[in-house]
Amino acid sequence: MNIVKHRNGFYELSDIRRAVNEKTKAIVASSVQWVNGLKMDLKALREIADSVGAYLILDSIQHVGGILFDVNEAKPDFVAVGGEKWLMATWMGVGFLYVRKQLVNEFELPPYGLLNLREPKGGWSSYWPRLRKNPWKLLPARKTAEKYEWGGTPPVFPLLAFYGSLKMLNEIGMGNVHERNIRLKEYLVEKLFEIGAKIISFKENKEEWSSITTFRLHKSLERDRLLVERLRGRGVIVSTRGVSGIGGIRVSPHFYNDVADIDRLLCEISRVL
C-alpha cells in the first residue's frame, strides 16, 4: 500500500501519479477532505486510475449532500457515503454504497444475509413455513448492488428518516443547494479575511471548494479550541478539527443557514476574543 502525503493540505496529482503503477489495484481517496474542505479533481483521479487499470474508490461523506456530485461525470467505481453529515440523517449508521453497474457481479459476495439474497418464489411469507426447505442450501444472491448489503433486519426507523431527508434535498434540488452553499462560503471567506483570519489550504479556484471552511485566529490550536468552546457557550456551533499537521476552526454552513448566521459567528468571535 502506498500512502500519498499532503503538501500543506493539498494532494498533488503529480504525487498520486508517481505513487501508482501496473500493480496498483485501487486508488482510494476522500472526494472532499474533512479537515480543510478541499475537493479533489475526480476526473483527474479517474484518468490516473484508468492509466494503470485500477479501481477508483471514493469516501464522499463530506461531499454528497453539500455540493454537487455526478457519478456519470466522475465515473467512480465505488462511492461510500454516510448519511449523518450533509445528507442530514437523524441517526448514525445509515448511508449508501454506490457500485458501478458493470462491476456489480465482478466481486464475491460478502457474508450472506437476508438482505442480499433474492426473494424466494412466492415471497418470504410463504417461504418461512415450508417444511421441506434445506437450511444448508442458500438462496441465490441479488443481482444488483444490494448483493453487498448484508444482515438480517434493516434499521427501519433510521432509514425512514433518511428517506425523508433525501426526499427534501431532491425537492429543493442539489443544484440549488450547491449554489447556496458556495455563496455562503464566498461570504464567509470574505469576512474571515477582513478580520485577519488565516484560511487553511485556501484555493482561489472555486471548482475546488466544498461547503467546509477551516481557519485559524491564533498560532496555538489550543487557543482556537478554547475560542470554539466559548462560541458554543454563546449558542454558535463550530468545531475544531486537525490531522497530519493541519487544522483549525471548521465552519460547515448548509443550505438552511443564511448570511445572518455568518454575521452572528463573526460578531460573537469579536466579543470573545
C-alpha atoms as a PDB file:
ATOM      1  CA  MET A   1       0.000   0.000   0.000  1.00  0.00           C
ATOM      2  CA  ASN A   2       1.358   3.422  -0.997  1.00  0.00           C
ATOM      3  CA  ILE A   3       0.211   6.439   1.025  1.00  0.00           C
ATOM      4  CA  VAL A   4       0.337   9.812  -0.723  1.00  0.00           C
ATOM      5  CA  LYS A   5       1.050  12.558   1.793  1.00  0.00           C
ATOM      6  CA  HIS A   6      -0.443  16.005   1.515  1.00  0.00           C
ATOM      7  CA  ARG A   7       1.525  19.184   0.881  1.00  0.00           C
ATOM      8  CA  ASN A   8       0.175  21.826   3.244  1.00  0.00           C
ATOM      9  CA  GLY A   9      -3.272  20.272   2.938  1.00  0.00           C
ATOM     10  CA  PHE A  10      -3.159  19.748  -0.826  1.00  0.00           C
ATOM     11  CA  TYR A  11      -2.886  16.406  -2.608  1.00  0.00           C
ATOM     12  CA  GLU A  12      -0.869  16.972  -5.760  1.00  0.00           C
ATOM     13  CA  LEU A  13      -1.902  14.934  -8.788  1.00  0.00           C
ATOM     14  CA  SER A  14       1.758  14.528  -9.718  1.00  0.00           C
ATOM     15  CA  ASP A  15       2.382  12.795  -6.377  1.00  0.00           C
ATOM     16  CA  ILE A  16      -0.548  10.457  -6.980  1.00  0.00           C
ATOM     17  CA  ARG A  17       0.695   9.632 -10.487  1.00  0.00           C
ATOM     18  CA  ARG A  18       4.126   8.746  -9.104  1.00  0.00           C
ATOM     19  CA  ALA A  19       2.574   6.510  -6.441  1.00  0.00           C
ATOM     20  CA  VAL A  20       0.707   4.214  -8.854  1.00  0.00           C
ATOM     21  CA  ASN A  21       1.978   1.535 -11.214  1.00  0.00           C
ATOM     22  CA  GLU A  22       0.792  -1.592 -13.029  1.00  0.00           C
ATOM     23  CA  LYS A  23       0.478  -3.384  -9.667  1.00  0.00           C
ATOM     24  CA  THR A  24      -1.971  -0.810  -8.288  1.00  0.00           C
ATOM     25  CA  LYS A  25      -5.367  -2.396  -7.682  1.00  0.00           C
ATOM     26  CA  ALA A  26      -7.268   0.662  -6.459  1.00  0.00           C
ATOM     27  CA  ILE A  27      -6.961   4.361  -5.734  1.00  0.00           C
ATOM     28  CA  VAL A  28      -8.827   5.208  -2.534  1.00  0.00           C
ATOM     29  CA  ALA A  29      -9.497   8.857  -1.747  1.00  0.00           C
ATOM     30  CA  SER A  30     -11.811  11.243   0.062  1.00  0.00           C
ATOM     31  CA  SER A  31     -13.512  13.301  -2.623  1.00  0.00           C
ATOM     32  CA  VAL A  32     -13.720  16.191  -0.129  1.00  0.00           C
ATOM     33  CA  GLN A  33     -11.170  16.487   2.660  1.00  0.00           C
ATOM     34  CA  TRP A  34     -12.795  16.549   6.094  1.00  0.00           C
ATOM     35  CA  VAL A  35     -10.350  18.975   7.695  1.00  0.00           C
ATOM     36  CA  ASN A  36      -9.922  21.733   5.111  1.00  0.00           C
ATOM     37  CA  GLY A  37     -12.837  21.050   2.740  1.00  0.00           C
ATOM     38  CA  LEU A  38     -10.797  20.824  -0.446  1.00  0.00           C
ATOM     39  CA  LYS A  39     -12.480  18.928  -3.276  1.00  0.00           C
ATOM     40  CA  MET A  40     -10.337  16.508  -5.248  1.00  0.00           C
ATOM     41  CA  ASP A  41     -10.187  16.612  -9.046  1.00  0.00           C
ATOM     42  CA  LEU A  42     -12.256  13.483  -9.621  1.00  0.00           C
ATOM     43  CA  LYS A  43     -11.883  13.469 -13.398  1.00  0.00           C
ATOM     44  CA  ALA A  44      -8.103  13.501 -12.996  1.00  0.00           C
ATOM     45  CA  LEU A  45      -8.260  10.706 -10.418  1.00  0.00           C
ATOM     46  CA  ARG A  46     -10.337   8.650 -12.859  1.00  0.00           C
ATOM     47  CA  GLU A  47      -7.747   9.209 -15.581  1.00  0.00           C
ATOM     48  CA  ILE A  48      -4.903   8.182 -13.270  1.00  0.00           C
ATOM     49  CA  ALA A  49      -6.795   5.051 -12.213  1.00  0.00           C
ATOM     50  CA  ASP A  50      -7.516   4.153 -15.836  1.00  0.00           C
ATOM     51  CA  SER A  51      -3.864   4.629 -16.796  1.00  0.00           C
ATOM     52  CA  VAL A  52      -2.907   1.637 -14.617  1.00  0.00           C
ATOM     53  CA  GLY A  53      -6.177  -0.316 -14.771  1.00  0.00           C
ATOM     54  CA  ALA A  54      -7.103   0.435 -11.149  1.00  0.00           C
ATOM     55  CA  TYR A  55     -10.454   0.896  -9.445  1.00  0.00           C
ATOM     56  CA  LEU A  56     -11.429   4.328  -8.123  1.00  0.00           C
ATOM     57  CA  ILE A  57     -12.958   4.131  -4.638  1.00  0.00           C
ATOM     58  CA  LEU A  58     -14.261   7.308  -3.011  1.00  0.00           C
ATOM     59  CA  ASP A  59     -15.232   8.215   0.527  1.00  0.00           C
ATOM     60  CA  SER A  60     -17.724  11.015  -0.109  1.00  0.00           C
ATOM     61  CA  ILE A  61     -19.325  11.590   3.275  1.00  0.00           C
ATOM     62  CA  GLN A  62     -18.144  15.236   3.243  1.00  0.00           C
ATOM     63  CA  HIS A  63     -19.219  15.735  -0.359  1.00  0.00           C
ATOM     64  CA  VAL A  64     -22.631  14.278  -1.183  1.00  0.00           C
ATOM     65  CA  GLY A  65     -25.476  16.489   0.013  1.00  0.00           C
ATOM     66  CA  GLY A  66     -23.326  19.593   0.435  1.00  0.00           C
ATOM     67  CA  ILE A  67     -22.257  20.186  -3.150  1.00  0.00           C
ATOM     68  CA  LEU A  68     -22.984  18.586  -6.499  1.00  0.00           C
ATOM     69  CA  PHE A  69     -21.704  15.077  -7.143  1.00  0.00           C
ATOM     70  CA  ASP A  70     -22.391  13.410 -10.503  1.00  0.00           C
ATOM     71  CA  VAL A  71     -21.290   9.779 -10.797  1.00  0.00           C
ATOM     72  CA  ASN A  72     -21.834   9.931 -14.566  1.00  0.00           C
ATOM     73  CA  GLU A  73     -19.255  12.709 -14.750  1.00  0.00           C
ATOM     74  CA  ALA A  74     -16.763  11.499 -12.135  1.00  0.00           C
ATOM     75  CA  LYS A  75     -17.139   7.807 -13.109  1.00  0.00           C
ATOM     76  CA  PRO A  76     -16.028   6.261  -9.806  1.00  0.00           C
ATOM     77  CA  ASP A  77     -16.227   2.513  -9.333  1.00  0.00           C
ATOM     78  CA  PHE A  78     -17.374   2.665  -5.714  1.00  0.00           C
ATOM     79  CA  VAL A  79     -18.640   5.517  -3.531  1.00  0.00           C
ATOM     80  CA  ALA A  80     -19.352   5.175   0.192  1.00  0.00           C
ATOM     81  CA  VAL A  81     -21.466   7.863   1.876  1.00  0.00           C
ATOM     82  CA  GLY A  82     -22.632   8.145   5.470  1.00  0.00           C
ATOM     83  CA  GLY A  83     -25.943   9.900   5.929  1.00  0.00           C
ATOM     84  CA  GLU A  84     -25.270  11.754   9.164  1.00  0.00           C
ATOM     85  CA  LYS A  85     -23.308  14.623   7.588  1.00  0.00           C
ATOM     86  CA  TRP A  86     -24.592  16.685   4.670  1.00  0.00           C
ATOM     87  CA  LEU A  87     -27.450  14.274   3.961  1.00  0.00           C
ATOM     88  CA  MET A  88     -28.868  15.124   7.402  1.00  0.00           C
ATOM     89  CA  ALA A  89     -29.804  11.650   8.589  1.00  0.00           C
ATOM     90  CA  THR A  90     -31.031  11.826  12.155  1.00  0.00           C
ATOM     91  CA  TRP A  91     -29.306   8.551  13.138  1.00  0.00           C
ATOM     92  CA  MET A  92     -25.741   7.378  12.809  1.00  0.00           C
ATOM     93  CA  GLY A  93     -25.268   4.170  10.854  1.00  0.00           C
ATOM     94  CA  VAL A  94     -27.323   4.852   7.728  1.00  0.00           C
ATOM     95  CA  GLY A  95     -25.936   5.753   4.342  1.00  0.00           C
ATOM     96  CA  PHE A  96     -25.371   4.168   0.970  1.00  0.00           C
ATOM     97  CA  LEU A  97     -22.824   2.425  -1.211  1.00  0.00           C
ATOM     98  CA  TYR A  98     -22.702   3.153  -4.921  1.00  0.00           C
ATOM     99  CA  VAL A  99     -21.289   0.403  -7.130  1.00  0.00           C
ATOM    100  CA  ARG A 100     -20.759   0.987 -10.836  1.00  0.00           C
ATOM    101  CA  LYS A 101     -23.297  -1.214 -12.579  1.00  0.00           C
ATOM    102  CA  GLN A 102     -20.745  -3.042 -14.707  1.00  0.00           C
ATOM    103  CA  LEU A 103     -18.913  -4.167 -11.546  1.00  0.00           C
ATOM    104  CA  VAL A 104     -21.832  -5.500  -9.504  1.00  0.00           C
ATOM    105  CA  ASN A 105     -21.181  -9.130 -10.375  1.00  0.00           C
ATOM    106  CA  GLU A 106     -17.403  -8.898 -10.619  1.00  0.00           C
ATOM    107  CA  PHE A 107     -16.769  -9.404  -6.900  1.00  0.00           C
ATOM    108  CA  GLU A 108     -17.557 -12.171  -4.474  1.00  0.00           C
ATOM    109  CA  LEU A 109     -20.456 -11.846  -2.120  1.00  0.00           C
ATOM    110  CA  PRO A 110     -19.713 -10.602   1.405  1.00  0.00           C
ATOM    111  CA  PRO A 111     -21.253 -12.655   4.259  1.00  0.00           C
ATOM    112  CA  TYR A 112     -24.672 -13.968   3.343  1.00  0.00           C
ATOM    113  CA  GLY A 113     -27.656 -12.366   4.993  1.00  0.00           C
ATOM    114  CA  LEU A 114     -31.352 -11.893   4.458  1.00  0.00           C
ATOM    115  CA  LEU A 115     -30.814  -8.504   2.846  1.00  0.00           C
ATOM    116  CA  ASN A 116     -28.584  -9.635  -0.011  1.00  0.00           C
ATOM    117  CA  LEU A 117     -30.493 -12.775  -1.052  1.00  0.00           C
ATOM    118  CA  ARG A 118     -33.134 -12.806  -3.747  1.00  0.00           C
ATOM    119  CA  GLU A 119     -36.691 -13.077  -2.522  1.00  0.00           C
ATOM    120  CA  PRO A 120     -37.870 -16.679  -2.928  1.00  0.00           C
ATOM    121  CA  LYS A 121     -40.665 -17.640  -5.271  1.00  0.00           C
ATOM    122  CA  GLY A 122     -43.958 -16.856  -3.597  1.00  0.00           C
ATOM    123  CA  GLY A 123     -42.362 -14.332  -1.247  1.00  0.00           C
ATOM    124  CA  TRP A 124     -40.863 -14.562   2.230  1.00  0.00           C
ATOM    125  CA  SER A 125     -44.216 -15.096   3.924  1.00  0.00           C
ATOM    126  CA  SER A 126     -44.694 -18.392   2.069  1.00  0.00           C
ATOM    127  CA  TYR A 127     -41.024 -19.355   2.347  1.00  0.00           C
ATOM    128  CA  TRP A 128     -40.668 -19.401   6.133  1.00  0.00           C
ATOM    129  CA  PRO A 129     -43.367 -22.049   6.841  1.00  0.00           C
ATOM    130  CA  ARG A 130     -42.071 -24.535   4.246  1.00  0.00           C
ATOM    131  CA  LEU A 131     -41.162 -27.784   5.960  1.00  0.00           C
ATOM    132  CA  ARG A 132     -39.017 -29.180   3.194  1.00  0.00           C
ATOM    133  CA  LYS A 133     -36.616 -26.283   2.605  1.00  0.00           C
ATOM    134  CA  ASN A 134     -32.971 -27.193   3.029  1.00  0.00           C
ATOM    135  CA  PRO A 135     -31.303 -24.996   5.696  1.00  0.00           C
ATOM    136  CA  TRP A 136     -27.881 -25.687   4.129  1.00  0.00           C
ATOM    137  CA  LYS A 137     -28.898 -24.538   0.654  1.00  0.00           C
ATOM    138  CA  LEU A 138     -28.695 -20.772   0.338  1.00  0.00           C
ATOM    139  CA  LEU A 139     -30.969 -18.740  -1.874  1.00  0.00           C
ATOM    140  CA  PRO A 140     -29.267 -17.042  -4.843  1.00  0.00           C
ATOM    141  CA  ALA A 141     -27.789 -13.590  -4.274  1.00  0.00           C
ATOM    142  CA  ARG A 142     -29.377 -10.443  -5.636  1.00  0.00           C
ATOM    143  CA  LYS A 143     -28.061  -9.216  -8.970  1.00  0.00           C
ATOM    144  CA  THR A 144     -27.969  -5.526  -8.069  1.00  0.00           C
ATOM    145  CA  ALA A 145     -25.722  -3.565  -5.700  1.00  0.00           C
ATOM    146  CA  GLU A 146     -27.958  -4.943  -2.944  1.00  0.00           C
ATOM    147  CA  LYS A 147     -25.767  -8.053  -3.035  1.00  0.00           C
ATOM    148  CA  TYR A 148     -23.263  -6.053  -0.951  1.00  0.00           C
ATOM    149  CA  GLU A 149     -25.847  -5.368   1.745  1.00  0.00           C
ATOM    150  CA  TRP A 150     -25.855  -7.983   4.460  1.00  0.00           C
ATOM    151  CA  GLY A 151     -27.522  -8.590   7.754  1.00  0.00           C
ATOM    152  CA  GLY A 152     -30.961  -9.593   8.842  1.00  0.00           C
ATOM    153  CA  THR A 153     -33.304  -6.786   9.885  1.00  0.00           C
ATOM    154  CA  PRO A 154     -32.703  -3.333   8.378  1.00  0.00           C
ATOM    155  CA  PRO A 155     -32.776  -0.248  10.678  1.00  0.00           C
ATOM    156  CA  VAL A 156     -36.312   0.662   9.649  1.00  0.00           C
ATOM    157  CA  PHE A 157     -36.852   3.904  11.572  1.00  0.00           C
ATOM    158  CA  PRO A 158     -33.425   5.419  10.758  1.00  0.00           C
ATOM    159  CA  LEU A 159     -33.958   4.528   7.103  1.00  0.00           C
ATOM    160  CA  LEU A 160     -37.385   6.180   7.057  1.00  0.00           C
ATOM    161  CA  ALA A 161     -35.861   9.355   8.491  1.00  0.00           C
ATOM    162  CA  PHE A 162     -33.008   9.137   5.984  1.00  0.00           C
ATOM    163  CA  TYR A 163     -35.517   8.764   3.166  1.00  0.00           C
ATOM    164  CA  GLY A 164     -37.234  11.932   4.404  1.00  0.00           C
ATOM    165  CA  SER A 165     -34.019  13.960   4.302  1.00  0.00           C
ATOM    166  CA  LEU A 166     -33.102  12.658   0.831  1.00  0.00           C
ATOM    167  CA  LYS A 167     -36.592  13.454  -0.416  1.00  0.00           C
ATOM    168  CA  MET A 168     -36.300  17.011   0.888  1.00  0.00           C
ATOM    169  CA  LEU A 169     -32.889  17.545  -0.736  1.00  0.00           C
ATOM    170  CA  ASN A 170     -34.210  16.271  -4.072  1.00  0.00           C
ATOM    171  CA  GLU A 171     -37.263  18.505  -3.840  1.00  0.00           C
ATOM    172  CA  ILE A 172     -35.053  21.542  -3.214  1.00  0.00           C
ATOM    173  CA  GLY A 173     -32.667  20.394  -5.936  1.00  0.00           C
ATOM    174  CA  MET A 174     -28.982  19.717  -5.411  1.00  0.00           C
ATOM    175  CA  GLY A 175     -28.114  22.428  -7.925  1.00  0.00           C
ATOM    176  CA  ASN A 176     -29.857  24.951  -5.660  1.00  0.00           C
ATOM    177  CA  VAL A 177     -28.205  23.508  -2.545  1.00  0.00           C
ATOM    178  CA  HIS A 178     -24.777  23.672  -4.188  1.00  0.00           C
ATOM    179  CA  GLU A 179     -25.251  27.251  -5.365  1.00  0.00           C
ATOM    180  CA  ARG A 180     -26.444  28.455  -1.954  1.00  0.00           C
ATOM    181  CA  ASN A 181     -23.647  26.715  -0.052  1.00  0.00           C
ATOM    182  CA  ILE A 182     -20.945  28.158  -2.308  1.00  0.00           C
ATOM    183  CA  ARG A 183     -22.458  31.641  -1.955  1.00  0.00           C
ATOM    184  CA  LEU A 184     -22.401  31.254   1.827  1.00  0.00           C
ATOM    185  CA  LYS A 185     -18.775  30.176   1.644  1.00  0.00           C
ATOM    186  CA  GLU A 186     -17.887  33.172  -0.528  1.00  0.00           C
ATOM    187  CA  TYR A 187     -19.377  35.496   2.074  1.00  0.00           C
ATOM    188  CA  LEU A 188     -17.693  33.649   4.956  1.00  0.00           C
ATOM    189  CA  VAL A 189     -14.275  33.743   3.264  1.00  0.00           C
ATOM    190  CA  GLU A 190     -14.624  37.476   2.573  1.00  0.00           C
ATOM    191  CA  LYS A 191     -15.488  38.205   6.216  1.00  0.00           C
ATOM    192  CA  LEU A 192     -12.727  35.972   7.581  1.00  0.00           C
ATOM    193  CA  PHE A 193     -10.110  37.774   5.508  1.00  0.00           C
ATOM    194  CA  GLU A 194     -11.461  41.089   6.814  1.00  0.00           C
ATOM    195  CA  ILE A 195     -10.727  40.079  10.422  1.00  0.00           C
ATOM    196  CA  GLY A 196      -7.272  38.763   9.550  1.00  0.00           C
ATOM    197  CA  ALA A 197      -8.027  35.049   9.829  1.00  0.00           C
ATOM    198  CA  LYS A 198      -5.801  32.526   8.092  1.00  0.00           C
ATOM    199  CA  ILE A 199      -7.868  30.177   5.951  1.00  0.00           C
ATOM    200  CA  ILE A 200      -6.300  26.733   5.926  1.00  0.00           C
ATOM    201  CA  SER A 201      -5.265  25.417   2.485  1.00  0.00           C
ATOM    202  CA  PHE A 202      -7.107  28.245   0.741  1.00  0.00           C
ATOM    203  CA  LYS A 203      -7.697  27.972  -3.008  1.00  0.00           C
ATOM    204  CA  GLU A 204      -8.932  30.755  -5.295  1.00  0.00           C
ATOM    205  CA  ASN A 205     -10.374  28.196  -7.713  1.00  0.00           C
ATOM    206  CA  LYS A 206     -13.964  27.638  -6.603  1.00  0.00           C
ATOM    207  CA  GLU A 207     -14.084  24.349  -8.501  1.00  0.00           C
ATOM    208  CA  GLU A 208     -12.038  23.002  -5.582  1.00  0.00           C
ATOM    209  CA  TRP A 209     -14.397  24.358  -2.929  1.00  0.00           C
ATOM    210  CA  SER A 210     -16.848  22.448  -0.792  1.00  0.00           C
ATOM    211  CA  SER A 211     -19.126  23.711   1.968  1.00  0.00           C
ATOM    212  CA  ILE A 212     -16.335  23.365   4.555  1.00  0.00           C
ATOM    213  CA  THR A 213     -14.040  26.238   5.543  1.00  0.00           C
ATOM    214  CA  THR A 214     -11.312  25.913   8.164  1.00  0.00           C
ATOM    215  CA  PHE A 215      -9.443  28.895   9.586  1.00  0.00           C
ATOM    216  CA  ARG A 216      -7.043  29.927  12.332  1.00  0.00           C
ATOM    217  CA  LEU A 217      -7.054  33.031  14.504  1.00  0.00           C
ATOM    218  CA  HIS A 218      -4.160  32.049  16.767  1.00  0.00           C
ATOM    219  CA  LYS A 219      -0.819  30.334  16.286  1.00  0.00           C
ATOM    220  CA  SER A 220      -1.857  27.952  19.047  1.00  0.00           C
ATOM    221  CA  LEU A 221      -4.588  25.492  18.065  1.00  0.00           C
ATOM    222  CA  GLU A 222      -5.390  25.170  21.773  1.00  0.00           C
ATOM    223  CA  ARG A 223      -6.360  28.853  21.874  1.00  0.00           C
ATOM    224  CA  ASP A 224      -8.606  28.309  18.855  1.00  0.00           C
ATOM    225  CA  ARG A 225     -10.138  25.288  20.603  1.00  0.00           C
ATOM    226  CA  LEU A 226     -10.922  27.412  23.667  1.00  0.00           C
ATOM    227  CA  LEU A 227     -12.487  30.005  21.368  1.00  0.00           C
ATOM    228  CA  VAL A 228     -14.755  27.306  19.906  1.00  0.00           C
ATOM    229  CA  GLU A 229     -15.849  26.352  23.426  1.00  0.00           C
ATOM    230  CA  ARG A 230     -16.696  29.985  24.229  1.00  0.00           C
ATOM    231  CA  LEU A 231     -18.666  30.279  20.988  1.00  0.00           C
ATOM    232  CA  ARG A 232     -20.567  27.109  21.844  1.00  0.00           C
ATOM    233  CA  GLY A 233     -21.500  28.639  25.182  1.00  0.00           C
ATOM    234  CA  ARG A 234     -22.990  31.558  23.273  1.00  0.00           C
ATOM    235  CA  GLY A 235     -25.048  29.307  21.013  1.00  0.00           C
ATOM    236  CA  VAL A 236     -22.749  29.342  17.972  1.00  0.00           C
ATOM    237  CA  ILE A 237     -21.755  25.834  16.910  1.00  0.00           C
ATOM    238  CA  VAL A 238     -18.498  25.349  15.046  1.00  0.00           C
ATOM    239  CA  SER A 239     -15.783  22.741  15.623  1.00  0.00           C
ATOM    240  CA  THR A 240     -12.035  22.310  15.943  1.00  0.00           C
ATOM    241  CA  ARG A 241     -10.537  19.739  13.594  1.00  0.00           C
ATOM    242  CA  GLY A 242      -6.983  18.741  12.788  1.00  0.00           C
ATOM    243  CA  VAL A 243      -4.909  15.927  11.291  1.00  0.00           C
ATOM    244  CA  SER A 244      -1.428  15.404   9.849  1.00  0.00           C
ATOM    245  CA  GLY A 245      -0.216  18.837  10.886  1.00  0.00           C
ATOM    246  CA  ILE A 246      -3.114  20.946   9.569  1.00  0.00           C
ATOM    247  CA  GLY A 247      -6.301  22.105  11.226  1.00  0.00           C
ATOM    248  CA  GLY A 248      -8.208  24.905  12.856  1.00  0.00           C
ATOM    249  CA  ILE A 249     -11.755  26.110  13.409  1.00  0.00           C
ATOM    250  CA  ARG A 250     -14.048  24.360  10.952  1.00  0.00           C
ATOM    251  CA  VAL A 251     -17.250  26.054   9.762  1.00  0.00           C
ATOM    252  CA  SER A 252     -19.733  23.990   7.760  1.00  0.00           C
ATOM    253  CA  PRO A 253     -22.773  26.068   6.729  1.00  0.00           C
ATOM    254  CA  HIS A 254     -25.548  24.220   4.922  1.00  0.00           C
ATOM    255  CA  PHE A 255     -28.477  25.456   2.844  1.00  0.00           C
ATOM    256  CA  TYR A 256     -30.600  26.067   5.963  1.00  0.00           C
ATOM    257  CA  ASN A 257     -28.095  28.682   7.137  1.00  0.00           C
ATOM    258  CA  ASP A 258     -28.016  32.236   5.848  1.00  0.00           C
ATOM    259  CA  VAL A 259     -25.814  35.322   5.832  1.00  0.00           C
ATOM    260  CA  ALA A 260     -27.212  36.371   9.201  1.00  0.00           C
ATOM    261  CA  ASP A 261     -25.782  33.186  10.746  1.00  0.00           C
ATOM    262  CA  ILE A 262     -22.327  34.013   9.414  1.00  0.00           C
ATOM    263  CA  ASP A 263     -22.630  37.601  10.640  1.00  0.00           C
ATOM    264  CA  ARG A 264     -23.555  36.230  14.071  1.00  0.00           C
ATOM    265  CA  LEU A 265     -20.481  33.982  14.043  1.00  0.00           C
ATOM    266  CA  LEU A 266     -18.193  36.909  13.267  1.00  0.00           C
ATOM    267  CA  CYS A 267     -19.915  39.109  15.824  1.00  0.00           C
ATOM    268  CA  GLU A 268     -19.545  36.528  18.587  1.00  0.00           C
ATOM    269  CA  ILE A 269     -15.899  35.958  17.653  1.00  0.00           C
ATOM    270  CA  SER A 270     -15.206  39.670  18.103  1.00  0.00           C
ATOM    271  CA  ARG A 271     -16.898  39.571  21.521  1.00  0.00           C
ATOM    272  CA  VAL A 272     -14.980  36.619  22.932  1.00  0.00           C
ATOM    273  CA  LEU A 273     -11.515  37.358  21.527  1.00  0.00           C
END
